[in-house]
Amino acid sequence: PTVSISLVPSSSQPGPSCLLCSVMDFYPAAIQARWFQGQQELSVVATDVVPNGDWTHELLVLLETPLSAGSPPAVRLHVSLEQLLSRHW
C-alpha cells in the first residue's frame, strides 16, 4: 500500500489540528489503520474501505486529537503483509 500523512484543517477547531492518513492502492481489502501515540491507541474517524475500480482499495483515517508534546503520533497498518507497516508524523 501507499501511505501518506498530511496536516489538515479541523472542521470543529480553528487552525490545522488534524492529521489525515491516506492509505491507497492496497489489495485485498482487509486492512486496519490505527493511530497511536507511544503505546496508546488514539480515537479516530475513518471512512469505509472504498474500491478504486482497478481491484485496489483506499482508506482515509483522520486523527482529530490535538497534537501534544511527547512522542509524535504514528499510524500502524495491519494488512495482508507479513509484517506491520508503521508511519510516523
N, C-alpha and C. Protein backbone atom coordinates (compact mmCIF):
# COMPACT_ATOMS: atom_id res chain seq x y z
N PRO A 1 0.82 -1.21 0.00
CA PRO A 1 0.00 0.00 0.00
C PRO A 1 0.85 1.25 0.00
N THR A 2 0.27 2.33 -0.50
CA THR A 2 0.90 3.64 -0.45
C THR A 2 0.29 4.40 0.72
N VAL A 3 1.12 4.94 1.61
CA VAL A 3 0.64 5.63 2.79
C VAL A 3 1.18 7.05 2.81
N SER A 4 0.28 8.02 3.02
CA SER A 4 0.73 9.41 3.18
C SER A 4 0.01 10.01 4.38
N ILE A 5 0.69 10.91 5.07
CA ILE A 5 0.14 11.59 6.23
C ILE A 5 0.22 13.09 5.96
N SER A 6 -0.91 13.79 6.18
CA SER A 6 -0.92 15.23 5.96
C SER A 6 -1.66 15.95 7.08
N LEU A 7 -1.29 17.20 7.29
CA LEU A 7 -1.93 18.05 8.27
C LEU A 7 -3.10 18.74 7.57
N VAL A 8 -4.30 18.68 8.14
CA VAL A 8 -5.48 19.26 7.51
C VAL A 8 -6.22 20.13 8.51
N PRO A 9 -7.00 21.11 8.00
CA PRO A 9 -7.79 21.96 8.90
C PRO A 9 -8.88 21.15 9.59
N SER A 10 -9.18 21.53 10.79
CA SER A 10 -10.25 20.89 11.55
C SER A 10 -11.56 21.62 11.26
N SER A 11 -12.64 20.87 11.14
CA SER A 11 -13.94 21.48 10.92
C SER A 11 -14.51 22.02 12.24
N SER A 12 -14.00 21.54 13.37
CA SER A 12 -14.55 21.94 14.65
C SER A 12 -13.64 22.88 15.44
N GLN A 13 -12.38 23.06 15.01
CA GLN A 13 -11.43 23.90 15.73
C GLN A 13 -10.70 24.78 14.73
N PRO A 14 -10.34 26.01 15.13
CA PRO A 14 -9.57 26.86 14.21
C PRO A 14 -8.14 26.33 14.05
N GLY A 15 -7.60 26.48 12.86
CA GLY A 15 -6.23 26.06 12.61
C GLY A 15 -6.12 24.61 12.20
N PRO A 16 -4.97 24.25 11.58
CA PRO A 16 -4.76 22.88 11.14
C PRO A 16 -4.37 21.97 12.30
N SER A 17 -5.34 21.26 12.84
CA SER A 17 -5.03 20.47 14.02
C SER A 17 -5.38 19.00 13.85
N CYS A 18 -5.59 18.56 12.63
CA CYS A 18 -5.91 17.16 12.38
C CYS A 18 -4.85 16.53 11.48
N LEU A 19 -4.61 15.26 11.70
CA LEU A 19 -3.71 14.51 10.84
C LEU A 19 -4.54 13.51 10.03
N LEU A 20 -4.34 13.50 8.73
CA LEU A 20 -5.06 12.60 7.83
C LEU A 20 -4.10 11.57 7.27
N CYS A 21 -4.43 10.31 7.48
CA CYS A 21 -3.65 9.22 6.89
C CYS A 21 -4.43 8.68 5.70
N SER A 22 -3.83 8.73 4.53
CA SER A 22 -4.42 8.18 3.32
C SER A 22 -3.70 6.89 2.97
N VAL A 23 -4.44 5.81 2.90
CA VAL A 23 -3.88 4.51 2.55
C VAL A 23 -4.46 4.15 1.19
N MET A 24 -3.62 4.03 0.18
CA MET A 24 -4.09 3.86 -1.19
C MET A 24 -3.49 2.61 -1.83
N ASP A 25 -4.19 2.15 -2.85
CA ASP A 25 -3.68 1.10 -3.75
C ASP A 25 -3.31 -0.18 -3.03
N PHE A 26 -4.21 -0.68 -2.17
CA PHE A 26 -3.93 -1.95 -1.50
C PHE A 26 -4.95 -2.99 -1.93
N TYR A 27 -4.51 -4.23 -1.90
CA TYR A 27 -5.33 -5.39 -2.22
C TYR A 27 -4.77 -6.58 -1.47
N PRO A 28 -5.59 -7.37 -0.84
CA PRO A 28 -7.05 -7.33 -0.78
C PRO A 28 -7.54 -6.23 0.16
N ALA A 29 -8.86 -6.15 0.32
CA ALA A 29 -9.48 -5.05 1.06
C ALA A 29 -9.32 -5.14 2.57
N ALA A 30 -8.91 -6.28 3.09
CA ALA A 30 -8.77 -6.45 4.54
C ALA A 30 -7.60 -5.63 5.06
N ILE A 31 -7.91 -4.59 5.83
CA ILE A 31 -6.87 -3.70 6.35
C ILE A 31 -7.39 -3.04 7.63
N GLN A 32 -6.48 -2.71 8.52
CA GLN A 32 -6.79 -1.92 9.71
C GLN A 32 -5.72 -0.85 9.82
N ALA A 33 -6.15 0.41 9.93
CA ALA A 33 -5.22 1.52 10.14
C ALA A 33 -5.57 2.17 11.47
N ARG A 34 -4.60 2.28 12.35
CA ARG A 34 -4.82 2.83 13.69
C ARG A 34 -3.75 3.85 14.01
N TRP A 35 -4.17 4.94 14.68
CA TRP A 35 -3.23 5.94 15.17
C TRP A 35 -2.83 5.60 16.60
N PHE A 36 -1.54 5.74 16.89
CA PHE A 36 -1.01 5.51 18.23
C PHE A 36 -0.13 6.69 18.63
N GLN A 37 -0.12 7.00 19.92
CA GLN A 37 0.89 7.90 20.46
C GLN A 37 1.58 7.11 21.55
N GLY A 38 2.84 6.77 21.31
CA GLY A 38 3.52 5.82 22.18
C GLY A 38 2.84 4.48 22.03
N GLN A 39 2.41 3.90 23.13
CA GLN A 39 1.71 2.62 23.09
C GLN A 39 0.19 2.77 23.16
N GLN A 40 -0.30 4.02 23.27
CA GLN A 40 -1.73 4.25 23.44
C GLN A 40 -2.42 4.46 22.10
N GLU A 41 -3.47 3.67 21.85
CA GLU A 41 -4.27 3.85 20.64
C GLU A 41 -5.14 5.08 20.80
N LEU A 42 -5.21 5.90 19.74
CA LEU A 42 -5.97 7.15 19.77
C LEU A 42 -7.30 6.98 19.03
N SER A 43 -8.27 7.79 19.42
CA SER A 43 -9.59 7.76 18.80
C SER A 43 -9.53 8.45 17.43
N VAL A 44 -10.16 7.84 16.42
CA VAL A 44 -10.10 8.36 15.04
C VAL A 44 -11.48 8.33 14.39
N VAL A 45 -11.55 9.00 13.25
CA VAL A 45 -12.69 8.92 12.35
C VAL A 45 -12.16 8.32 11.05
N ALA A 46 -12.82 7.28 10.55
CA ALA A 46 -12.31 6.60 9.35
C ALA A 46 -13.44 6.38 8.34
N THR A 47 -13.06 6.38 7.08
CA THR A 47 -14.01 6.03 6.03
C THR A 47 -14.10 4.51 5.95
N ASP A 48 -15.08 4.02 5.25
CA ASP A 48 -15.10 2.60 4.90
C ASP A 48 -14.00 2.38 3.86
N VAL A 49 -13.59 1.14 3.70
CA VAL A 49 -12.65 0.81 2.63
C VAL A 49 -13.41 0.96 1.31
N VAL A 50 -12.83 1.74 0.39
CA VAL A 50 -13.50 2.08 -0.88
C VAL A 50 -12.76 1.43 -2.04
N PRO A 51 -13.48 0.70 -2.93
CA PRO A 51 -12.81 0.14 -4.10
C PRO A 51 -12.50 1.24 -5.12
N ASN A 52 -11.36 1.12 -5.79
CA ASN A 52 -10.94 2.09 -6.80
C ASN A 52 -11.40 1.73 -8.21
N GLY A 53 -11.90 0.54 -8.42
CA GLY A 53 -12.30 0.13 -9.76
C GLY A 53 -11.22 -0.62 -10.51
N ASP A 54 -10.02 -0.73 -9.94
CA ASP A 54 -8.93 -1.45 -10.59
C ASP A 54 -8.42 -2.59 -9.71
N TRP A 55 -9.28 -3.10 -8.85
CA TRP A 55 -9.00 -4.17 -7.90
C TRP A 55 -8.30 -3.69 -6.64
N THR A 56 -7.86 -2.41 -6.62
CA THR A 56 -7.24 -1.89 -5.41
C THR A 56 -8.27 -1.11 -4.61
N HIS A 57 -7.88 -0.71 -3.40
CA HIS A 57 -8.79 -0.03 -2.49
C HIS A 57 -8.10 1.16 -1.84
N GLU A 58 -8.91 2.01 -1.16
CA GLU A 58 -8.35 3.12 -0.40
C GLU A 58 -9.11 3.30 0.90
N LEU A 59 -8.44 3.96 1.85
CA LEU A 59 -8.99 4.19 3.18
C LEU A 59 -8.42 5.50 3.71
N LEU A 60 -9.27 6.32 4.35
CA LEU A 60 -8.83 7.55 4.98
C LEU A 60 -9.10 7.44 6.48
N VAL A 61 -8.11 7.83 7.29
CA VAL A 61 -8.23 7.77 8.74
C VAL A 61 -7.80 9.13 9.30
N LEU A 62 -8.73 9.82 9.97
CA LEU A 62 -8.49 11.17 10.47
C LEU A 62 -8.31 11.16 11.98
N LEU A 63 -7.21 11.74 12.43
CA LEU A 63 -6.93 11.90 13.86
C LEU A 63 -7.29 13.33 14.23
N GLU A 64 -8.35 13.51 15.02
CA GLU A 64 -8.81 14.85 15.40
C GLU A 64 -8.25 15.32 16.73
N THR A 65 -7.56 14.47 17.44
CA THR A 65 -6.99 14.82 18.74
C THR A 65 -5.93 15.89 18.56
N PRO A 66 -5.98 16.96 19.37
CA PRO A 66 -4.92 17.98 19.27
C PRO A 66 -3.55 17.35 19.52
N LEU A 67 -2.57 17.80 18.78
CA LEU A 67 -1.22 17.28 18.93
C LEU A 67 -0.63 17.78 20.25
N SER A 68 0.01 16.90 20.97
CA SER A 68 0.59 17.26 22.26
C SER A 68 2.08 16.97 22.25
N ALA A 69 2.73 17.48 23.28
CA ALA A 69 4.16 17.24 23.42
C ALA A 69 4.40 15.76 23.72
N GLY A 70 5.59 15.32 23.50
CA GLY A 70 5.91 13.92 23.74
C GLY A 70 6.18 13.21 22.44
N SER A 71 5.96 11.92 22.44
CA SER A 71 6.23 11.15 21.23
C SER A 71 5.21 11.50 20.16
N PRO A 72 5.66 11.70 18.91
CA PRO A 72 4.73 12.07 17.84
C PRO A 72 3.80 10.91 17.52
N PRO A 73 2.58 11.21 17.03
CA PRO A 73 1.66 10.14 16.65
C PRO A 73 2.21 9.32 15.50
N ALA A 74 1.81 8.07 15.44
CA ALA A 74 2.22 7.18 14.37
C ALA A 74 1.02 6.37 13.91
N VAL A 75 1.00 6.04 12.63
CA VAL A 75 -0.04 5.18 12.08
C VAL A 75 0.54 3.79 11.95
N ARG A 76 -0.21 2.80 12.39
CA ARG A 76 0.18 1.40 12.22
C ARG A 76 -0.87 0.72 11.36
N LEU A 77 -0.40 0.07 10.31
CA LEU A 77 -1.30 -0.62 9.40
C LEU A 77 -1.18 -2.12 9.59
N HIS A 78 -2.31 -2.75 9.71
CA HIS A 78 -2.36 -4.21 9.75
C HIS A 78 -3.04 -4.64 8.46
N VAL A 79 -2.27 -5.19 7.57
CA VAL A 79 -2.77 -5.59 6.26
C VAL A 79 -2.33 -7.02 6.00
N SER A 80 -2.60 -7.45 4.80
CA SER A 80 -2.19 -8.80 4.43
C SER A 80 -0.71 -8.85 4.09
N LEU A 81 0.09 -8.21 4.92
CA LEU A 81 1.55 -8.26 4.80
C LEU A 81 2.06 -9.19 5.88
N GLU A 82 3.27 -9.60 5.76
CA GLU A 82 3.84 -10.48 6.76
C GLU A 82 4.36 -9.72 7.96
N GLN A 83 4.47 -8.38 7.85
CA GLN A 83 4.92 -7.60 8.98
C GLN A 83 4.12 -6.31 9.07
N LEU A 84 4.17 -5.68 10.22
CA LEU A 84 3.48 -4.44 10.49
C LEU A 84 4.11 -3.31 9.70
N LEU A 85 3.28 -2.44 9.12
CA LEU A 85 3.75 -1.24 8.42
C LEU A 85 3.42 -0.05 9.30
N SER A 86 4.43 0.79 9.60
CA SER A 86 4.23 1.90 10.51
C SER A 86 4.79 3.17 9.86
N ARG A 87 4.05 4.29 10.00
CA ARG A 87 4.49 5.58 9.50
C ARG A 87 4.35 6.60 10.62
N HIS A 88 5.40 7.42 10.83
CA HIS A 88 5.38 8.44 11.88
C HIS A 88 5.12 9.81 11.28
N TRP A 89 4.45 10.65 12.05
CA TRP A 89 4.19 12.03 11.63
C TRP A 89 5.41 12.83 11.81
